[in-house]
Amino acid sequence: MELERRGVVAPLVVTETFLPLVQAQARARRVQPRLLVVPHPVGGLNEAELAGRIEGAAAELLRMADEARGLS
């Protein structure tokens, strides 16, 4: 969150379970971070499940990067 405050595009990857905690911290720090929310849990997934999560998150991360560069 500190990087975003300083103008550096730095999306946070957070699972659904921890989203309320991240939002509370963001409010306390008075920042609006770019959030990439992924399904919980991440740990304990097999290789195919993890690959699916990564594929979905990567597409969203690229969209966020394009948006930050003014390309969308």
N, C-alpha and C. Protein backbone atom coordinates (compact mmCIF):
# COMPACT_ATOMS: atom_id res chain seq x y z
N MET A 1 0.82 -1.19 0.00
CA MET A 1 0.00 0.00 0.00
C MET A 1 0.87 1.26 0.00
N GLU A 2 2.01 1.19 0.63
CA GLU A 2 2.90 2.36 0.67
C GLU A 2 3.39 2.72 -0.72
N LEU A 3 3.67 1.73 -1.55
CA LEU A 3 4.11 2.02 -2.92
C LEU A 3 3.04 2.76 -3.70
N GLU A 4 1.80 2.31 -3.58
CA GLU A 4 0.70 2.99 -4.28
C GLU A 4 0.58 4.44 -3.79
N ARG A 5 0.77 4.64 -2.51
CA ARG A 5 0.70 6.00 -1.96
C ARG A 5 1.76 6.89 -2.59
N ARG A 6 2.89 6.30 -2.94
CA ARG A 6 3.99 7.05 -3.55
C ARG A 6 3.90 7.12 -5.07
N GLY A 7 2.80 6.59 -5.62
CA GLY A 7 2.58 6.69 -7.05
C GLY A 7 3.10 5.52 -7.86
N VAL A 8 3.55 4.46 -7.19
CA VAL A 8 4.04 3.28 -7.89
C VAL A 8 2.87 2.29 -8.03
N VAL A 9 2.61 1.85 -9.24
CA VAL A 9 1.53 0.89 -9.46
C VAL A 9 1.97 -0.45 -8.85
N ALA A 10 1.24 -0.88 -7.83
CA ALA A 10 1.62 -2.10 -7.11
C ALA A 10 0.36 -2.81 -6.61
N PRO A 11 -0.32 -3.54 -7.50
CA PRO A 11 -1.53 -4.25 -7.07
C PRO A 11 -1.22 -5.25 -5.96
N LEU A 12 -2.14 -5.35 -5.02
CA LEU A 12 -2.04 -6.34 -3.95
C LEU A 12 -2.86 -7.56 -4.33
N VAL A 13 -2.26 -8.72 -4.20
CA VAL A 13 -2.98 -9.97 -4.42
C VAL A 13 -3.45 -10.45 -3.06
N VAL A 14 -4.76 -10.60 -2.92
CA VAL A 14 -5.35 -10.98 -1.64
C VAL A 14 -6.44 -12.01 -1.87
N THR A 15 -6.54 -12.97 -0.95
CA THR A 15 -7.63 -13.93 -1.08
C THR A 15 -8.90 -13.33 -0.48
N GLU A 16 -10.02 -13.88 -0.90
CA GLU A 16 -11.33 -13.38 -0.45
C GLU A 16 -11.42 -13.32 1.07
N THR A 17 -10.86 -14.30 1.74
CA THR A 17 -10.93 -14.36 3.19
C THR A 17 -10.26 -13.17 3.85
N PHE A 18 -9.16 -12.70 3.28
CA PHE A 18 -8.40 -11.61 3.89
C PHE A 18 -8.78 -10.23 3.35
N LEU A 19 -9.71 -10.18 2.43
CA LEU A 19 -10.12 -8.90 1.85
C LEU A 19 -10.60 -7.89 2.90
N PRO A 20 -11.45 -8.26 3.86
CA PRO A 20 -11.87 -7.27 4.86
C PRO A 20 -10.70 -6.68 5.65
N LEU A 21 -9.71 -7.50 5.97
CA LEU A 21 -8.54 -7.01 6.70
C LEU A 21 -7.76 -6.01 5.86
N VAL A 22 -7.56 -6.32 4.59
CA VAL A 22 -6.83 -5.42 3.70
C VAL A 22 -7.60 -4.11 3.53
N GLN A 23 -8.91 -4.19 3.37
CA GLN A 23 -9.72 -2.98 3.23
C GLN A 23 -9.64 -2.11 4.49
N ALA A 24 -9.65 -2.74 5.66
CA ALA A 24 -9.55 -1.99 6.91
C ALA A 24 -8.19 -1.29 7.01
N GLN A 25 -7.14 -1.98 6.65
CA GLN A 25 -5.81 -1.37 6.67
C GLN A 25 -5.72 -0.22 5.67
N ALA A 26 -6.32 -0.40 4.52
CA ALA A 26 -6.30 0.67 3.51
C ALA A 26 -7.01 1.91 4.03
N ARG A 27 -8.17 1.71 4.66
CA ARG A 27 -8.89 2.86 5.22
C ARG A 27 -8.05 3.54 6.30
N ALA A 28 -7.41 2.76 7.16
CA ALA A 28 -6.59 3.33 8.23
C ALA A 28 -5.41 4.12 7.68
N ARG A 29 -4.88 3.67 6.55
CA ARG A 29 -3.73 4.35 5.94
C ARG A 29 -4.14 5.41 4.92
N ARG A 30 -5.45 5.53 4.72
CA ARG A 30 -6.01 6.50 3.78
C ARG A 30 -5.47 6.32 2.36
N VAL A 31 -5.47 5.06 1.91
CA VAL A 31 -5.05 4.75 0.54
C VAL A 31 -6.13 3.91 -0.12
N GLN A 32 -6.11 3.90 -1.43
CA GLN A 32 -7.02 3.07 -2.21
C GLN A 32 -6.19 2.16 -3.09
N PRO A 33 -5.75 1.03 -2.53
CA PRO A 33 -4.87 0.15 -3.31
C PRO A 33 -5.62 -0.56 -4.43
N ARG A 34 -4.87 -0.92 -5.44
CA ARG A 34 -5.41 -1.77 -6.51
C ARG A 34 -5.41 -3.18 -5.94
N LEU A 35 -6.56 -3.81 -5.93
CA LEU A 35 -6.68 -5.14 -5.34
C LEU A 35 -6.99 -6.18 -6.39
N LEU A 36 -6.25 -7.25 -6.35
CA LEU A 36 -6.50 -8.42 -7.18
C LEU A 36 -6.96 -9.51 -6.23
N VAL A 37 -8.25 -9.76 -6.22
CA VAL A 37 -8.84 -10.71 -5.27
C VAL A 37 -8.94 -12.08 -5.93
N VAL A 38 -8.38 -13.07 -5.24
CA VAL A 38 -8.40 -14.44 -5.74
C VAL A 38 -9.15 -15.33 -4.75
N PRO A 39 -9.67 -16.46 -5.20
CA PRO A 39 -10.37 -17.36 -4.30
C PRO A 39 -9.45 -17.90 -3.20
N HIS A 40 -10.03 -18.14 -2.05
CA HIS A 40 -9.32 -18.73 -0.92
C HIS A 40 -9.69 -20.20 -0.84
N PRO A 41 -8.81 -21.06 -0.47
CA PRO A 41 -7.41 -20.86 -0.14
C PRO A 41 -6.52 -21.00 -1.37
N VAL A 42 -5.27 -20.60 -1.21
CA VAL A 42 -4.27 -20.79 -2.25
C VAL A 42 -3.37 -21.97 -1.86
N GLY A 43 -3.04 -22.02 -0.57
CA GLY A 43 -2.21 -23.13 -0.08
C GLY A 43 -2.97 -24.44 -0.16
N GLY A 44 -2.25 -25.51 -0.44
CA GLY A 44 -2.85 -26.83 -0.48
C GLY A 44 -3.48 -27.21 -1.80
N LEU A 45 -3.39 -26.34 -2.79
CA LEU A 45 -3.95 -26.68 -4.10
C LEU A 45 -3.00 -27.61 -4.84
N ASN A 46 -3.57 -28.46 -5.68
CA ASN A 46 -2.69 -29.27 -6.51
C ASN A 46 -2.20 -28.43 -7.69
N GLU A 47 -1.31 -28.98 -8.48
CA GLU A 47 -0.67 -28.23 -9.55
C GLU A 47 -1.68 -27.67 -10.56
N ALA A 48 -2.66 -28.47 -10.95
CA ALA A 48 -3.65 -28.02 -11.92
C ALA A 48 -4.53 -26.91 -11.36
N GLU A 49 -4.93 -27.05 -10.10
CA GLU A 49 -5.77 -26.01 -9.47
C GLU A 49 -5.00 -24.70 -9.36
N LEU A 50 -3.74 -24.79 -8.94
CA LEU A 50 -2.93 -23.58 -8.80
C LEU A 50 -2.70 -22.93 -10.15
N ALA A 51 -2.45 -23.73 -11.18
CA ALA A 51 -2.25 -23.18 -12.53
C ALA A 51 -3.49 -22.43 -12.99
N GLY A 52 -4.67 -22.96 -12.70
CA GLY A 52 -5.90 -22.28 -13.06
C GLY A 52 -6.05 -20.95 -12.37
N ARG A 53 -5.71 -20.91 -11.08
CA ARG A 53 -5.78 -19.65 -10.33
C ARG A 53 -4.80 -18.63 -10.89
N ILE A 54 -3.60 -19.09 -11.19
CA ILE A 54 -2.57 -18.18 -11.72
C ILE A 54 -3.01 -17.62 -13.07
N GLU A 55 -3.56 -18.47 -13.91
CA GLU A 55 -4.01 -18.02 -15.23
C GLU A 55 -5.06 -16.92 -15.11
N GLY A 56 -6.03 -17.14 -14.23
CA GLY A 56 -7.07 -16.13 -14.04
C GLY A 56 -6.52 -14.84 -13.45
N ALA A 57 -5.64 -14.96 -12.49
CA ALA A 57 -5.06 -13.77 -11.85
C ALA A 57 -4.15 -13.01 -12.81
N ALA A 58 -3.40 -13.73 -13.62
CA ALA A 58 -2.48 -13.08 -14.55
C ALA A 58 -3.23 -12.21 -15.55
N ALA A 59 -4.34 -12.70 -16.05
CA ALA A 59 -5.14 -11.92 -17.01
C ALA A 59 -5.63 -10.63 -16.37
N GLU A 60 -6.09 -10.72 -15.14
CA GLU A 60 -6.56 -9.51 -14.44
C GLU A 60 -5.40 -8.58 -14.13
N LEU A 61 -4.26 -9.12 -13.76
CA LEU A 61 -3.09 -8.29 -13.47
C LEU A 61 -2.64 -7.53 -14.72
N LEU A 62 -2.66 -8.18 -15.86
CA LEU A 62 -2.30 -7.50 -17.11
C LEU A 62 -3.30 -6.41 -17.45
N ARG A 63 -4.59 -6.66 -17.19
CA ARG A 63 -5.60 -5.64 -17.42
C ARG A 63 -5.34 -4.42 -16.53
N MET A 64 -4.99 -4.68 -15.27
CA MET A 64 -4.72 -3.59 -14.33
C MET A 64 -3.48 -2.78 -14.77
N ALA A 65 -2.47 -3.48 -15.28
CA ALA A 65 -1.26 -2.80 -15.75
C ALA A 65 -1.58 -1.92 -16.96
N ASP A 66 -2.36 -2.44 -17.88
CA ASP A 66 -2.75 -1.64 -19.04
C ASP A 66 -3.54 -0.40 -18.62
N GLU A 67 -4.45 -0.59 -17.67
CA GLU A 67 -5.26 0.53 -17.18
C GLU A 67 -4.36 1.59 -16.54
N ALA A 68 -3.38 1.17 -15.75
CA ALA A 68 -2.49 2.11 -15.10
C ALA A 68 -1.64 2.89 -16.10
N ARG A 69 -1.34 2.25 -17.24
CA ARG A 69 -0.56 2.92 -18.28
C ARG A 69 -1.44 3.72 -19.23
N GLY A 70 -2.75 3.70 -18.98
CA GLY A 70 -3.67 4.44 -19.84
C GLY A 70 -3.97 3.76 -21.15
N LEU A 71 -3.82 2.44 -21.20
CA LEU A 71 -4.02 1.71 -22.45
C LEU A 71 -5.40 1.09 -22.55
N SER A 72 -6.24 1.27 -21.54
CA SER A 72 -7.58 0.66 -21.64
C SER A 72 -8.66 1.70 -21.62
